[in-house]
Amino acid sequence: MSDRDLLDLLRSGDQGAFQQIFRSHYTRLVGLAGAMLRDTAAGEEIVQDVMLELWRRRETLVIETTLQAYLFRATRNRALNVLRHARVAQRAEPLMRAESPAPARADDAVAEAEIQRALAAAVAALPDRCRETFELSRVHGLSYAEIARVMDISVKTVEAQMGKALRLLRERLAPWLPQGGDF
């Protein structure tokens, strides 16, 4: 049975079609997610989430590529979200554990909190593609070539998106940056 036939049956609520899709793609998707996360159990959880979402959205699902490409992209995106969250948690961990003395001045703590809020707001306000490119580079430490592969775009597009993201961040954060400040 073709993917298109399976999708038509899935849209009509056929559980057999869903089970066939699940069995056909599960192992390879777990391999992808497990390799990205270096954790097979976490990879299995991600794939189960992707499959659950496929079932939930079956009636309104629009797949413009092949079913396999759609499932691989959804799995990759969820794995990247887990990696992003882990990176943020990893960066915050020392701050949470540290028993640092009180700041020398109360103004320092207030200013730092204000800068952090401004930075988070500025990054959140970036266009989606710029934000994803910026986070993959600055948060996850990926090279431009790796970002290009992950996002399925050219390295030149990555460079352009990073340039745009940095320019927009400089503009939005100008009040908090020293003259000539850079990221």
N, C-alpha and C. Protein backbone atom coordinates (compact mmCIF):
# COMPACT_ATOMS: atom_id res chain seq x y z
N MET A 1 0.85 -1.18 0.00
CA MET A 1 0.00 0.00 0.00
C MET A 1 0.90 1.24 0.00
N SER A 2 0.58 2.22 -0.81
CA SER A 2 1.41 3.42 -0.92
C SER A 2 1.19 4.36 0.28
N ASP A 3 2.13 5.27 0.46
CA ASP A 3 2.00 6.26 1.53
C ASP A 3 0.73 7.09 1.36
N ARG A 4 0.42 7.44 0.12
CA ARG A 4 -0.78 8.25 -0.13
C ARG A 4 -2.04 7.50 0.30
N ASP A 5 -2.09 6.20 -0.02
CA ASP A 5 -3.23 5.39 0.39
C ASP A 5 -3.31 5.29 1.91
N LEU A 6 -2.15 5.08 2.54
CA LEU A 6 -2.11 5.01 4.01
C LEU A 6 -2.57 6.32 4.63
N LEU A 7 -2.14 7.43 4.05
CA LEU A 7 -2.56 8.74 4.58
C LEU A 7 -4.06 8.95 4.42
N ASP A 8 -4.61 8.53 3.30
CA ASP A 8 -6.06 8.66 3.10
C ASP A 8 -6.82 7.83 4.14
N LEU A 9 -6.33 6.62 4.38
CA LEU A 9 -6.97 5.78 5.40
C LEU A 9 -6.79 6.38 6.79
N LEU A 10 -5.60 6.91 7.05
CA LEU A 10 -5.34 7.53 8.35
C LEU A 10 -6.27 8.71 8.59
N ARG A 11 -6.46 9.53 7.57
CA ARG A 11 -7.34 10.70 7.69
C ARG A 11 -8.79 10.29 8.03
N SER A 12 -9.17 9.11 7.56
CA SER A 12 -10.53 8.64 7.86
C SER A 12 -10.61 7.92 9.20
N GLY A 13 -9.48 7.87 9.93
CA GLY A 13 -9.48 7.28 11.27
C GLY A 13 -9.16 5.80 11.31
N ASP A 14 -8.59 5.25 10.25
CA ASP A 14 -8.27 3.83 10.20
C ASP A 14 -7.05 3.53 11.10
N GLN A 15 -7.29 2.80 12.17
CA GLN A 15 -6.21 2.49 13.12
C GLN A 15 -5.20 1.52 12.52
N GLY A 16 -5.64 0.66 11.63
CA GLY A 16 -4.73 -0.26 10.96
C GLY A 16 -3.70 0.48 10.12
N ALA A 17 -4.14 1.54 9.44
CA ALA A 17 -3.21 2.34 8.65
C ALA A 17 -2.20 3.02 9.57
N PHE A 18 -2.67 3.52 10.69
CA PHE A 18 -1.77 4.15 11.66
C PHE A 18 -0.75 3.14 12.18
N GLN A 19 -1.20 1.94 12.50
CA GLN A 19 -0.28 0.92 12.99
C GLN A 19 0.75 0.55 11.94
N GLN A 20 0.34 0.51 10.69
CA GLN A 20 1.29 0.18 9.62
C GLN A 20 2.32 1.30 9.47
N ILE A 21 1.88 2.55 9.52
CA ILE A 21 2.81 3.69 9.45
C ILE A 21 3.77 3.63 10.64
N PHE A 22 3.23 3.37 11.81
CA PHE A 22 4.05 3.30 13.02
C PHE A 22 5.13 2.23 12.88
N ARG A 23 4.71 1.01 12.49
CA ARG A 23 5.66 -0.09 12.36
C ARG A 23 6.69 0.17 11.27
N SER A 24 6.28 0.80 10.19
CA SER A 24 7.19 1.02 9.06
C SER A 24 8.28 2.04 9.36
N HIS A 25 7.98 3.03 10.18
CA HIS A 25 8.90 4.14 10.37
C HIS A 25 9.53 4.24 11.76
N TYR A 26 8.97 3.54 12.72
CA TYR A 26 9.37 3.70 14.12
C TYR A 26 10.87 3.49 14.33
N THR A 27 11.41 2.39 13.87
CA THR A 27 12.81 2.04 14.14
C THR A 27 13.77 3.08 13.59
N ARG A 28 13.55 3.50 12.34
CA ARG A 28 14.46 4.50 11.75
C ARG A 28 14.33 5.85 12.44
N LEU A 29 13.12 6.22 12.84
CA LEU A 29 12.93 7.50 13.54
C LEU A 29 13.59 7.47 14.91
N VAL A 30 13.48 6.35 15.61
CA VAL A 30 14.15 6.22 16.91
C VAL A 30 15.66 6.30 16.70
N GLY A 31 16.16 5.71 15.64
CA GLY A 31 17.59 5.79 15.33
C GLY A 31 18.04 7.23 15.15
N LEU A 32 17.25 8.01 14.42
CA LEU A 32 17.58 9.42 14.21
C LEU A 32 17.57 10.20 15.52
N ALA A 33 16.47 10.11 16.24
CA ALA A 33 16.34 10.88 17.49
C ALA A 33 17.35 10.39 18.52
N GLY A 34 17.54 9.09 18.62
CA GLY A 34 18.50 8.55 19.57
C GLY A 34 19.91 9.01 19.27
N ALA A 35 20.26 9.08 17.99
CA ALA A 35 21.60 9.55 17.61
C ALA A 35 21.76 11.03 17.92
N MET A 36 20.74 11.82 17.64
CA MET A 36 20.82 13.26 17.92
C MET A 36 20.97 13.52 19.41
N LEU A 37 20.24 12.76 20.22
CA LEU A 37 20.22 12.99 21.67
C LEU A 37 21.23 12.13 22.41
N ARG A 38 21.82 11.17 21.70
CA ARG A 38 22.72 10.21 22.32
C ARG A 38 22.03 9.47 23.48
N ASP A 39 20.75 9.18 23.26
CA ASP A 39 19.94 8.52 24.28
C ASP A 39 18.76 7.84 23.58
N THR A 40 18.81 6.52 23.48
CA THR A 40 17.78 5.79 22.76
C THR A 40 16.41 5.91 23.43
N ALA A 41 16.38 5.88 24.77
CA ALA A 41 15.10 5.98 25.48
C ALA A 41 14.44 7.32 25.20
N ALA A 42 15.23 8.40 25.20
CA ALA A 42 14.68 9.72 24.89
C ALA A 42 14.23 9.76 23.43
N GLY A 43 14.97 9.07 22.55
CA GLY A 43 14.58 9.00 21.14
C GLY A 43 13.25 8.30 20.97
N GLU A 44 13.04 7.22 21.72
CA GLU A 44 11.77 6.51 21.66
C GLU A 44 10.62 7.41 22.12
N GLU A 45 10.86 8.16 23.17
CA GLU A 45 9.82 9.06 23.67
C GLU A 45 9.45 10.13 22.64
N ILE A 46 10.46 10.67 21.97
CA ILE A 46 10.21 11.68 20.95
C ILE A 46 9.39 11.09 19.80
N VAL A 47 9.77 9.91 19.34
CA VAL A 47 9.06 9.29 18.22
C VAL A 47 7.62 8.97 18.63
N GLN A 48 7.43 8.53 19.84
CA GLN A 48 6.06 8.28 20.30
C GLN A 48 5.25 9.57 20.31
N ASP A 49 5.88 10.68 20.71
CA ASP A 49 5.19 11.97 20.67
C ASP A 49 4.84 12.37 19.24
N VAL A 50 5.79 12.16 18.32
CA VAL A 50 5.55 12.49 16.91
C VAL A 50 4.39 11.66 16.37
N MET A 51 4.38 10.38 16.68
CA MET A 51 3.31 9.50 16.20
C MET A 51 1.97 9.87 16.83
N LEU A 52 1.98 10.21 18.09
CA LEU A 52 0.75 10.63 18.76
C LEU A 52 0.20 11.89 18.10
N GLU A 53 1.08 12.82 17.81
CA GLU A 53 0.67 14.06 17.15
C GLU A 53 0.14 13.77 15.74
N LEU A 54 0.76 12.82 15.04
CA LEU A 54 0.28 12.42 13.71
C LEU A 54 -1.16 11.92 13.84
N TRP A 55 -1.44 11.10 14.83
CA TRP A 55 -2.79 10.58 15.02
C TRP A 55 -3.76 11.70 15.39
N ARG A 56 -3.35 12.58 16.30
CA ARG A 56 -4.23 13.67 16.73
C ARG A 56 -4.59 14.61 15.58
N ARG A 57 -3.62 14.87 14.70
CA ARG A 57 -3.83 15.84 13.62
C ARG A 57 -4.19 15.17 12.31
N ARG A 58 -4.53 13.91 12.32
CA ARG A 58 -4.73 13.14 11.09
C ARG A 58 -5.76 13.76 10.14
N GLU A 59 -6.82 14.34 10.68
CA GLU A 59 -7.89 14.85 9.83
C GLU A 59 -7.52 16.15 9.13
N THR A 60 -6.62 16.93 9.71
CA THR A 60 -6.25 18.23 9.13
C THR A 60 -4.82 18.23 8.59
N LEU A 61 -4.18 17.11 8.63
CA LEU A 61 -2.77 17.00 8.25
C LEU A 61 -2.57 17.27 6.77
N VAL A 62 -1.64 18.16 6.47
CA VAL A 62 -1.26 18.44 5.08
C VAL A 62 0.22 18.13 4.96
N ILE A 63 0.53 17.14 4.15
CA ILE A 63 1.92 16.74 3.95
C ILE A 63 2.28 17.05 2.51
N GLU A 64 3.22 17.97 2.35
CA GLU A 64 3.60 18.41 1.00
C GLU A 64 4.77 17.61 0.45
N THR A 65 5.41 16.80 1.30
CA THR A 65 6.51 15.95 0.87
C THR A 65 6.05 14.51 1.03
N THR A 66 6.98 13.61 1.13
CA THR A 66 6.61 12.22 1.41
C THR A 66 6.30 12.08 2.89
N LEU A 67 5.59 11.03 3.22
CA LEU A 67 5.28 10.76 4.63
C LEU A 67 6.57 10.56 5.42
N GLN A 68 7.51 9.84 4.84
CA GLN A 68 8.79 9.59 5.51
C GLN A 68 9.51 10.90 5.78
N ALA A 69 9.58 11.79 4.79
CA ALA A 69 10.25 13.08 4.99
C ALA A 69 9.55 13.90 6.07
N TYR A 70 8.24 13.86 6.07
CA TYR A 70 7.47 14.59 7.09
C TYR A 70 7.80 14.06 8.49
N LEU A 71 7.81 12.74 8.65
CA LEU A 71 8.07 12.15 9.96
C LEU A 71 9.51 12.40 10.40
N PHE A 72 10.46 12.33 9.47
CA PHE A 72 11.85 12.61 9.83
C PHE A 72 12.02 14.07 10.25
N ARG A 73 11.38 14.99 9.54
CA ARG A 73 11.48 16.41 9.88
C ARG A 73 10.85 16.68 11.25
N ALA A 74 9.69 16.09 11.51
CA ALA A 74 9.02 16.29 12.80
C ALA A 74 9.87 15.72 13.93
N THR A 75 10.46 14.56 13.71
CA THR A 75 11.32 13.95 14.73
C THR A 75 12.55 14.80 14.97
N ARG A 76 13.18 15.27 13.91
CA ARG A 76 14.37 16.11 14.04
C ARG A 76 14.04 17.39 14.80
N ASN A 77 12.92 18.01 14.48
CA ASN A 77 12.55 19.25 15.15
C ASN A 77 12.30 19.03 16.64
N ARG A 78 11.65 17.94 16.98
CA ARG A 78 11.41 17.65 18.41
C ARG A 78 12.72 17.36 19.14
N ALA A 79 13.61 16.65 18.48
CA ALA A 79 14.92 16.36 19.09
C ALA A 79 15.69 17.67 19.30
N LEU A 80 15.63 18.56 18.33
CA LEU A 80 16.31 19.86 18.49
C LEU A 80 15.71 20.65 19.65
N ASN A 81 14.41 20.58 19.82
CA ASN A 81 13.77 21.26 20.95
C ASN A 81 14.27 20.70 22.28
N VAL A 82 14.42 19.39 22.35
CA VAL A 82 14.94 18.76 23.57
C VAL A 82 16.37 19.22 23.81
N LEU A 83 17.19 19.26 22.75
CA LEU A 83 18.57 19.72 22.89
C LEU A 83 18.63 21.17 23.35
N ARG A 84 17.77 22.01 22.78
CA ARG A 84 17.73 23.41 23.19
C ARG A 84 17.40 23.53 24.68
N HIS A 85 16.38 22.80 25.09
CA HIS A 85 15.97 22.85 26.50
C HIS A 85 17.11 22.36 27.41
N ALA A 86 17.77 21.29 27.00
CA ALA A 86 18.87 20.76 27.80
C ALA A 86 20.02 21.77 27.90
N ARG A 87 20.30 22.46 26.81
CA ARG A 87 21.38 23.45 26.82
C ARG A 87 21.04 24.61 27.76
N VAL A 88 19.80 25.07 27.72
CA VAL A 88 19.37 26.15 28.61
C VAL A 88 19.47 25.68 30.06
N ALA A 89 18.99 24.48 30.34
CA ALA A 89 19.04 23.95 31.70
C ALA A 89 20.48 23.78 32.16
N GLN A 90 21.34 23.35 31.25
CA GLN A 90 22.76 23.16 31.58
C GLN A 90 23.41 24.50 31.92
N ARG A 91 23.08 25.53 31.18
CA ARG A 91 23.64 26.85 31.47
C ARG A 91 23.11 27.43 32.77
N ALA A 92 21.88 27.11 33.10
CA ALA A 92 21.27 27.65 34.31
C ALA A 92 21.69 26.89 35.55
N GLU A 93 22.12 25.65 35.39
CA GLU A 93 22.45 24.82 36.54
C GLU A 93 23.49 25.44 37.47
N PRO A 94 24.62 25.94 36.97
CA PRO A 94 25.59 26.54 37.89
C PRO A 94 25.00 27.74 38.64
N LEU A 95 24.15 28.47 37.97
CA LEU A 95 23.53 29.62 38.63
C LEU A 95 22.59 29.17 39.73
N MET A 96 21.92 28.04 39.50
CA MET A 96 20.99 27.54 40.49
C MET A 96 21.72 26.93 41.69
N ARG A 97 22.87 26.30 41.43
CA ARG A 97 23.62 25.65 42.49
C ARG A 97 24.49 26.63 43.28
N ALA A 98 24.97 27.63 42.59
CA ALA A 98 25.94 28.55 43.21
C ALA A 98 25.33 29.28 44.39
N GLU A 99 26.10 29.34 45.42
CA GLU A 99 25.69 30.12 46.58
C GLU A 99 26.53 31.39 46.57
N SER A 100 26.24 32.20 45.59
CA SER A 100 27.03 33.41 45.42
C SER A 100 26.65 34.44 46.47
N PRO A 101 27.63 35.23 46.88
CA PRO A 101 27.32 36.28 47.84
C PRO A 101 26.41 37.32 47.20
N ALA A 102 25.76 38.08 48.01
CA ALA A 102 24.88 39.12 47.51
C ALA A 102 25.67 40.08 46.64
N PRO A 103 25.06 40.62 45.61
CA PRO A 103 25.77 41.56 44.75
C PRO A 103 26.29 42.75 45.56
N ALA A 104 27.38 43.31 45.06
CA ALA A 104 27.98 44.44 45.76
C ALA A 104 26.98 45.58 45.90
N ARG A 105 26.19 45.75 44.86
CA ARG A 105 25.18 46.80 44.90
C ARG A 105 23.86 46.22 44.43
N ALA A 106 22.80 46.67 45.02
CA ALA A 106 21.48 46.20 44.61
C ALA A 106 21.20 46.57 43.17
N ASP A 107 21.74 47.70 42.73
CA ASP A 107 21.54 48.14 41.34
C ASP A 107 22.10 47.14 40.35
N ASP A 108 23.20 46.46 40.70
CA ASP A 108 23.81 45.50 39.80
C ASP A 108 22.86 44.35 39.49
N ALA A 109 22.23 43.82 40.52
CA ALA A 109 21.31 42.70 40.32
C ALA A 109 20.10 43.12 39.50
N VAL A 110 19.58 44.31 39.76
CA VAL A 110 18.43 44.81 39.01
C VAL A 110 18.81 45.02 37.55
N ALA A 111 19.97 45.62 37.32
CA ALA A 111 20.42 45.87 35.95
C ALA A 111 20.64 44.57 35.20
N GLU A 112 21.25 43.59 35.86
CA GLU A 112 21.49 42.31 35.21
C GLU A 112 20.17 41.62 34.85
N ALA A 113 19.21 41.65 35.75
CA ALA A 113 17.91 41.04 35.47
C ALA A 113 17.22 41.76 34.30
N GLU A 114 17.35 43.07 34.27
CA GLU A 114 16.74 43.85 33.20
C GLU A 114 17.39 43.52 31.85
N ILE A 115 18.70 43.37 31.84
CA ILE A 115 19.42 43.03 30.61
C ILE A 115 19.00 41.64 30.15
N GLN A 116 18.89 40.69 31.08
CA GLN A 116 18.48 39.33 30.71
C GLN A 116 17.08 39.32 30.11
N ARG A 117 16.17 40.08 30.68
CA ARG A 117 14.81 40.17 30.14
C ARG A 117 14.83 40.80 28.75
N ALA A 118 15.62 41.86 28.60
CA ALA A 118 15.71 42.54 27.31
C ALA A 118 16.29 41.60 26.25
N LEU A 119 17.31 40.85 26.61
CA LEU A 119 17.92 39.91 25.67
C LEU A 119 16.93 38.83 25.28
N ALA A 120 16.25 38.24 26.26
CA ALA A 120 15.27 37.20 25.97
C ALA A 120 14.16 37.74 25.06
N ALA A 121 13.69 38.95 25.34
CA ALA A 121 12.64 39.56 24.52
C ALA A 121 13.15 39.83 23.11
N ALA A 122 14.39 40.31 23.00
CA ALA A 122 14.95 40.62 21.68
C ALA A 122 15.11 39.35 20.85
N VAL A 123 15.58 38.27 21.47
CA VAL A 123 15.74 37.01 20.74
C VAL A 123 14.36 36.47 20.35
N ALA A 124 13.40 36.54 21.25
CA ALA A 124 12.05 36.05 20.96
C ALA A 124 11.39 36.85 19.84
N ALA A 125 11.76 38.12 19.70
CA ALA A 125 11.16 38.98 18.69
C ALA A 125 11.77 38.78 17.30
N LEU A 126 12.86 38.03 17.22
CA LEU A 126 13.47 37.80 15.91
C LEU A 126 12.52 36.99 15.03
N PRO A 127 12.59 37.19 13.71
CA PRO A 127 11.81 36.34 12.81
C PRO A 127 12.20 34.87 13.06
N ASP A 128 11.27 33.96 12.84
CA ASP A 128 11.47 32.55 13.19
C ASP A 128 12.78 31.98 12.67
N ARG A 129 13.05 32.15 11.39
CA ARG A 129 14.24 31.56 10.80
C ARG A 129 15.51 32.19 11.39
N CYS A 130 15.49 33.50 11.62
CA CYS A 130 16.64 34.19 12.25
C CYS A 130 16.85 33.65 13.65
N ARG A 131 15.77 33.52 14.41
CA ARG A 131 15.88 33.05 15.79
C ARG A 131 16.42 31.63 15.83
N GLU A 132 15.91 30.76 14.97
CA GLU A 132 16.38 29.38 14.96
C GLU A 132 17.87 29.33 14.59
N THR A 133 18.27 30.10 13.59
CA THR A 133 19.67 30.14 13.18
C THR A 133 20.54 30.64 14.32
N PHE A 134 20.13 31.74 14.94
CA PHE A 134 20.88 32.33 16.05
C PHE A 134 21.03 31.34 17.20
N GLU A 135 19.94 30.68 17.58
CA GLU A 135 19.99 29.75 18.71
C GLU A 135 20.84 28.52 18.39
N LEU A 136 20.74 28.01 17.16
CA LEU A 136 21.57 26.87 16.80
C LEU A 136 23.05 27.23 16.86
N SER A 137 23.38 28.45 16.49
CA SER A 137 24.77 28.89 16.52
C SER A 137 25.22 29.23 17.93
N ARG A 138 24.51 30.14 18.59
CA ARG A 138 24.98 30.67 19.86
C ARG A 138 24.62 29.81 21.07
N VAL A 139 23.49 29.14 21.03
CA VAL A 139 23.07 28.33 22.18
C VAL A 139 23.61 26.91 22.05
N HIS A 140 23.49 26.33 20.85
CA HIS A 140 23.88 24.94 20.66
C HIS A 140 25.30 24.78 20.13
N GLY A 141 25.92 25.88 19.71
CA GLY A 141 27.30 25.84 19.27
C GLY A 141 27.53 25.14 17.94
N LEU A 142 26.51 25.09 17.08
CA LEU A 142 26.68 24.44 15.78
C LEU A 142 27.42 25.37 14.81
N SER A 143 28.19 24.78 13.91
CA SER A 143 28.85 25.55 12.87
C SER A 143 27.81 25.94 11.81
N TYR A 144 28.17 26.88 10.94
CA TYR A 144 27.24 27.29 9.90
C TYR A 144 26.90 26.11 8.98
N ALA A 145 27.88 25.25 8.68
CA ALA A 145 27.62 24.09 7.83
C ALA A 145 26.64 23.13 8.51
N GLU A 146 26.80 22.93 9.82
CA GLU A 146 25.88 22.06 10.56
C GLU A 146 24.48 22.66 10.58
N ILE A 147 24.40 23.97 10.78
CA ILE A 147 23.10 24.64 10.79
C ILE A 147 22.43 24.49 9.43
N ALA A 148 23.21 24.65 8.37
CA ALA A 148 22.67 24.51 7.01
C ALA A 148 22.08 23.12 6.81
N ARG A 149 22.77 22.09 7.29
CA ARG A 149 22.26 20.72 7.16
C ARG A 149 20.99 20.53 7.99
N VAL A 150 21.00 21.00 9.22
CA VAL A 150 19.85 20.82 10.12
C VAL A 150 18.61 21.53 9.57
N MET A 151 18.81 22.76 9.08
CA MET A 151 17.67 23.55 8.62
C MET A 151 17.34 23.32 7.15
N ASP A 152 18.18 22.53 6.47
CA ASP A 152 18.00 22.25 5.05
C ASP A 152 18.01 23.53 4.22
N ILE A 153 19.03 24.36 4.47
CA ILE A 153 19.25 25.60 3.72
C ILE A 153 20.72 25.69 3.37
N SER A 154 21.10 26.66 2.55
CA SER A 154 22.50 26.81 2.17
C SER A 154 23.29 27.53 3.26
N VAL A 155 24.61 27.36 3.23
CA VAL A 155 25.48 28.04 4.19
C VAL A 155 25.35 29.55 4.00
N LYS A 156 25.22 30.01 2.77
CA LYS A 156 25.06 31.45 2.51
C LYS A 156 23.79 31.98 3.17
N THR A 157 22.72 31.19 3.15
CA THR A 157 21.48 31.60 3.82
C THR A 157 21.68 31.67 5.32
N VAL A 158 22.44 30.71 5.87
CA VAL A 158 22.75 30.74 7.30
C VAL A 158 23.51 32.03 7.63
N GLU A 159 24.52 32.36 6.81
CA GLU A 159 25.30 33.58 7.04
C GLU A 159 24.40 34.81 6.99
N ALA A 160 23.51 34.85 6.02
CA ALA A 160 22.61 36.00 5.89
C ALA A 160 21.67 36.09 7.09
N GLN A 161 21.14 34.96 7.54
CA GLN A 161 20.22 34.95 8.68
C GLN A 161 20.94 35.36 9.97
N MET A 162 22.19 34.90 10.14
CA MET A 162 22.96 35.29 11.33
C MET A 162 23.27 36.78 11.29
N GLY A 163 23.63 37.28 10.13
CA GLY A 163 23.91 38.72 10.01
C GLY A 163 22.68 39.54 10.35
N LYS A 164 21.54 39.10 9.86
CA LYS A 164 20.29 39.80 10.14
C LYS A 164 19.96 39.73 11.63
N ALA A 165 20.11 38.54 12.23
CA ALA A 165 19.81 38.37 13.65
C ALA A 165 20.70 39.27 14.51
N LEU A 166 21.99 39.29 14.22
CA LEU A 166 22.91 40.11 15.02
C LEU A 166 22.62 41.60 14.86
N ARG A 167 22.29 42.00 13.63
CA ARG A 167 21.97 43.40 13.40
C ARG A 167 20.72 43.80 14.20
N LEU A 168 19.68 42.96 14.14
CA LEU A 168 18.44 43.27 14.87
C LEU A 168 18.67 43.27 16.38
N LEU A 169 19.47 42.34 16.87
CA LEU A 169 19.76 42.30 18.30
C LEU A 169 20.55 43.53 18.74
N ARG A 170 21.53 43.94 17.93
CA ARG A 170 22.30 45.15 18.26
C ARG A 170 21.38 46.37 18.35
N GLU A 171 20.44 46.46 17.40
CA GLU A 171 19.51 47.60 17.41
C GLU A 171 18.63 47.58 18.65
N ARG A 172 18.08 46.42 18.97
CA ARG A 172 17.15 46.32 20.10
C ARG A 172 17.85 46.44 21.46
N LEU A 173 19.12 46.06 21.50
CA LEU A 173 19.83 46.07 22.78
C LEU A 173 20.81 47.23 22.89
N ALA A 174 20.75 48.16 21.98
CA ALA A 174 21.68 49.29 21.98
C ALA A 174 21.75 50.01 23.33
N PRO A 175 20.63 50.23 24.03
CA PRO A 175 20.72 50.93 25.31
C PRO A 175 21.55 50.19 26.37
N TRP A 176 21.70 48.89 26.24
CA TRP A 176 22.43 48.13 27.24
C TRP A 176 23.86 47.79 26.82
N LEU A 177 24.20 48.05 25.56
CA LEU A 177 25.53 47.71 25.08
C LEU A 177 26.48 48.90 25.25
N PRO A 178 27.75 48.63 25.62
CA PRO A 178 28.72 49.72 25.63
C PRO A 178 28.97 50.16 24.18
N GLN A 179 29.49 51.32 24.01
CA GLN A 179 29.79 51.79 22.64
C GLN A 179 30.66 50.75 21.94
N GLY A 180 30.24 50.39 20.74
CA GLY A 180 30.98 49.40 19.96
C GLY A 180 30.77 47.98 20.48
N GLY A 181 29.79 47.80 21.35
CA GLY A 181 29.54 46.49 21.95
C GLY A 181 29.13 45.47 20.90
N ASP A 182 29.46 44.23 21.14
CA ASP A 182 29.15 43.17 20.20
C ASP A 182 28.82 41.91 20.98
N PHE A 183 28.25 40.95 20.30
CA PHE A 183 27.88 39.68 20.93
C PHE A 183 29.02 38.71 20.78
